[in-house]
């Protein structure tokens, strides 16, 4: 399965990564690579828990990604 992961620079240091399709699935790391490695592990555990509990695994069907540039007034 493929999911969108968003990586943002942390407020004080490092990076925070999260997967919008998997509500509450978030991780962090000192570098972007660390954050990606950690969020992948978190996502795997998250999905394993859903499957183990007999719950549906969310997908990203019908999702659009758009980047907009907004001018400040």
N, C-alpha and C. Protein backbone atom coordinates (compact mmCIF):
# COMPACT_ATOMS: atom_id res chain seq x y z
N UNK A 1 0.84 -1.18 0.00
CA UNK A 1 0.00 0.00 0.00
C UNK A 1 0.89 1.25 0.00
N UNK A 2 0.41 2.28 -0.65
CA UNK A 2 1.14 3.53 -0.68
C UNK A 2 0.33 4.60 0.04
N UNK A 3 1.03 5.42 0.83
CA UNK A 3 0.39 6.49 1.58
C UNK A 3 1.21 7.77 1.44
N UNK A 4 0.53 8.87 1.53
CA UNK A 4 1.19 10.17 1.57
C UNK A 4 1.71 10.40 2.97
N UNK A 5 2.95 10.87 3.05
CA UNK A 5 3.56 11.23 4.33
C UNK A 5 3.99 12.68 4.23
N UNK A 6 3.67 13.45 5.23
CA UNK A 6 4.06 14.85 5.28
C UNK A 6 5.17 15.00 6.31
N UNK A 7 6.23 15.68 5.89
CA UNK A 7 7.37 15.93 6.78
C UNK A 7 7.50 17.43 6.97
N UNK A 8 7.58 17.84 8.22
CA UNK A 8 7.73 19.25 8.54
C UNK A 8 8.91 19.41 9.49
N UNK A 9 9.57 20.55 9.38
CA UNK A 9 10.65 20.83 10.31
C UNK A 9 10.05 21.04 11.70
N UNK A 10 10.68 20.46 12.72
CA UNK A 10 10.19 20.61 14.08
C UNK A 10 10.33 22.03 14.58
N UNK A 11 9.57 22.38 15.60
CA UNK A 11 9.61 23.74 16.13
C UNK A 11 10.96 24.09 16.73
N UNK A 12 11.57 23.13 17.40
CA UNK A 12 12.86 23.40 18.04
C UNK A 12 14.01 22.73 17.31
N UNK A 13 13.80 21.49 16.86
CA UNK A 13 14.85 20.78 16.12
C UNK A 13 14.24 19.57 15.45
N UNK A 14 15.01 18.97 14.55
CA UNK A 14 14.58 17.75 13.88
C UNK A 14 13.39 17.93 12.97
N UNK A 15 12.74 16.80 12.67
CA UNK A 15 11.62 16.77 11.74
C UNK A 15 10.49 15.93 12.30
N UNK A 16 9.27 16.29 11.93
CA UNK A 16 8.08 15.56 12.33
C UNK A 16 7.44 15.02 11.05
N UNK A 17 7.02 13.76 11.07
CA UNK A 17 6.38 13.14 9.92
C UNK A 17 5.05 12.54 10.35
N UNK A 18 4.05 12.68 9.48
CA UNK A 18 2.75 12.08 9.78
C UNK A 18 2.06 11.65 8.51
N UNK A 19 1.13 10.73 8.68
CA UNK A 19 0.36 10.17 7.57
C UNK A 19 -1.11 10.56 7.76
N UNK A 20 -1.62 11.51 6.97
CA UNK A 20 -3.00 11.96 7.15
C UNK A 20 -4.05 10.85 7.05
N UNK A 21 -3.82 9.85 6.23
CA UNK A 21 -4.81 8.78 6.06
C UNK A 21 -4.90 7.88 7.29
N UNK A 22 -3.82 7.82 8.07
CA UNK A 22 -3.79 7.00 9.28
C UNK A 22 -3.84 7.93 10.48
N UNK A 23 -5.02 8.31 10.86
CA UNK A 23 -5.24 9.32 11.91
C UNK A 23 -4.43 9.03 13.17
N UNK A 24 -3.63 10.01 13.58
CA UNK A 24 -2.84 9.88 14.80
C UNK A 24 -1.51 9.19 14.60
N UNK A 25 -1.19 8.78 13.39
CA UNK A 25 0.08 8.11 13.12
C UNK A 25 1.12 9.19 12.83
N UNK A 26 2.01 9.39 13.79
CA UNK A 26 2.99 10.47 13.72
C UNK A 26 4.30 9.99 14.32
N UNK A 27 5.40 10.52 13.81
CA UNK A 27 6.72 10.18 14.35
C UNK A 27 7.65 11.35 14.12
N UNK A 28 8.90 11.20 14.53
CA UNK A 28 9.87 12.28 14.38
C UNK A 28 11.26 11.71 14.22
N UNK A 29 12.22 12.59 13.88
CA UNK A 29 13.60 12.18 13.74
C UNK A 29 14.50 13.39 13.66
N UNK A 30 15.77 13.18 13.92
CA UNK A 30 16.73 14.29 13.87
C UNK A 30 16.94 14.79 12.45
N UNK A 31 16.84 13.88 11.45
CA UNK A 31 16.98 14.25 10.05
C UNK A 31 15.71 13.82 9.31
N UNK A 32 15.55 14.29 8.07
CA UNK A 32 14.40 13.86 7.27
C UNK A 32 14.43 12.34 7.06
N UNK A 33 15.62 11.81 6.82
CA UNK A 33 15.75 10.36 6.62
C UNK A 33 15.33 9.60 7.87
N UNK A 34 15.73 10.09 9.04
CA UNK A 34 15.32 9.45 10.30
C UNK A 34 13.81 9.51 10.47
N UNK A 35 13.24 10.68 10.18
CA UNK A 35 11.78 10.84 10.32
C UNK A 35 11.04 9.89 9.38
N UNK A 36 11.53 9.73 8.14
CA UNK A 36 10.89 8.81 7.20
C UNK A 36 11.00 7.37 7.66
N UNK A 37 12.17 6.98 8.15
CA UNK A 37 12.36 5.63 8.66
C UNK A 37 11.41 5.36 9.83
N UNK A 38 11.32 6.34 10.73
CA UNK A 38 10.48 6.17 11.92
C UNK A 38 8.99 6.15 11.59
N UNK A 39 8.55 7.00 10.65
CA UNK A 39 7.12 7.01 10.31
C UNK A 39 6.76 5.72 9.58
N UNK A 40 7.67 5.17 8.78
CA UNK A 40 7.39 3.90 8.11
C UNK A 40 7.16 2.81 9.14
N UNK A 41 8.01 2.76 10.15
CA UNK A 41 7.85 1.76 11.22
C UNK A 41 6.53 1.98 11.96
N UNK A 42 6.20 3.25 12.25
CA UNK A 42 4.96 3.56 12.96
C UNK A 42 3.74 3.15 12.12
N UNK A 43 3.81 3.39 10.81
CA UNK A 43 2.71 3.02 9.93
C UNK A 43 2.53 1.51 9.88
N UNK A 44 3.62 0.77 9.83
CA UNK A 44 3.53 -0.69 9.81
C UNK A 44 2.87 -1.22 11.08
N UNK A 45 3.27 -0.69 12.23
CA UNK A 45 2.68 -1.11 13.51
C UNK A 45 1.20 -0.73 13.56
N UNK A 46 0.87 0.48 13.10
CA UNK A 46 -0.50 0.98 13.07
C UNK A 46 -1.39 0.03 12.26
N UNK A 47 -0.91 -0.31 11.05
CA UNK A 47 -1.70 -1.18 10.17
C UNK A 47 -1.81 -2.59 10.74
N UNK A 48 -0.72 -3.10 11.32
CA UNK A 48 -0.78 -4.42 11.96
C UNK A 48 -1.82 -4.45 13.08
N UNK A 49 -1.89 -3.37 13.85
CA UNK A 49 -2.87 -3.30 14.94
C UNK A 49 -4.30 -3.30 14.39
N UNK A 50 -4.53 -2.55 13.30
CA UNK A 50 -5.87 -2.53 12.70
C UNK A 50 -6.26 -3.93 12.24
N UNK A 51 -5.35 -4.58 11.51
CA UNK A 51 -5.62 -5.93 11.00
C UNK A 51 -5.85 -6.89 12.15
N UNK A 52 -5.01 -6.80 13.19
CA UNK A 52 -5.15 -7.68 14.35
C UNK A 52 -6.48 -7.51 15.06
N UNK A 53 -7.02 -6.29 15.03
CA UNK A 53 -8.30 -6.01 15.68
C UNK A 53 -9.48 -6.22 14.74
N UNK A 54 -9.20 -6.65 13.50
CA UNK A 54 -10.27 -6.89 12.54
C UNK A 54 -10.91 -5.61 12.00
N UNK A 55 -10.17 -4.51 12.05
CA UNK A 55 -10.68 -3.23 11.57
C UNK A 55 -10.20 -2.96 10.15
N UNK A 56 -10.94 -2.15 9.39
CA UNK A 56 -10.52 -1.85 8.02
C UNK A 56 -9.27 -0.97 7.99
N UNK A 57 -8.44 -1.20 6.99
CA UNK A 57 -7.23 -0.40 6.81
C UNK A 57 -7.57 0.74 5.84
N UNK A 58 -7.39 1.99 6.26
CA UNK A 58 -7.71 3.13 5.39
C UNK A 58 -6.86 3.14 4.12
N UNK A 59 -7.45 3.65 3.05
CA UNK A 59 -6.73 3.84 1.79
C UNK A 59 -6.84 5.29 1.38
N UNK A 60 -6.13 5.67 0.33
CA UNK A 60 -6.16 7.05 -0.14
C UNK A 60 -6.84 7.17 -1.49
N UNK A 61 -7.88 6.42 -1.72
CA UNK A 61 -8.60 6.46 -2.99
C UNK A 61 -9.28 7.81 -3.16
N UNK A 62 -9.17 8.37 -4.36
CA UNK A 62 -9.85 9.62 -4.67
C UNK A 62 -9.21 10.86 -4.08
N UNK A 63 -7.94 10.76 -3.70
CA UNK A 63 -7.27 11.89 -3.07
C UNK A 63 -6.61 12.75 -4.14
N UNK A 64 -6.72 14.05 -3.99
CA UNK A 64 -6.03 15.00 -4.88
C UNK A 64 -5.01 15.78 -4.06
N UNK A 65 -3.85 16.02 -4.66
CA UNK A 65 -2.84 16.85 -4.04
C UNK A 65 -2.66 18.08 -4.90
N UNK A 66 -2.81 19.25 -4.28
CA UNK A 66 -2.71 20.51 -5.00
C UNK A 66 -1.82 21.45 -4.21
N UNK A 67 -0.90 22.12 -4.91
CA UNK A 67 -0.09 23.14 -4.26
C UNK A 67 -0.59 24.50 -4.74
N UNK A 68 -0.85 25.40 -3.80
CA UNK A 68 -1.32 26.73 -4.14
C UNK A 68 -0.35 27.78 -3.58
N UNK A 69 -0.12 28.80 -4.35
CA UNK A 69 0.70 29.91 -3.87
C UNK A 69 -0.26 31.04 -3.56
N UNK A 70 -0.15 31.58 -2.35
CA UNK A 70 -1.06 32.62 -1.90
C UNK A 70 -0.25 33.88 -1.63
N UNK A 71 -0.71 34.99 -2.17
CA UNK A 71 -0.02 36.26 -1.96
C UNK A 71 -0.58 36.95 -0.73
N UNK A 72 0.30 37.47 0.11
CA UNK A 72 -0.13 38.22 1.29
C UNK A 72 -0.56 39.61 0.87
N UNK A 73 -1.60 40.12 1.48
CA UNK A 73 -2.08 41.48 1.15
C UNK A 73 -1.61 42.48 2.16
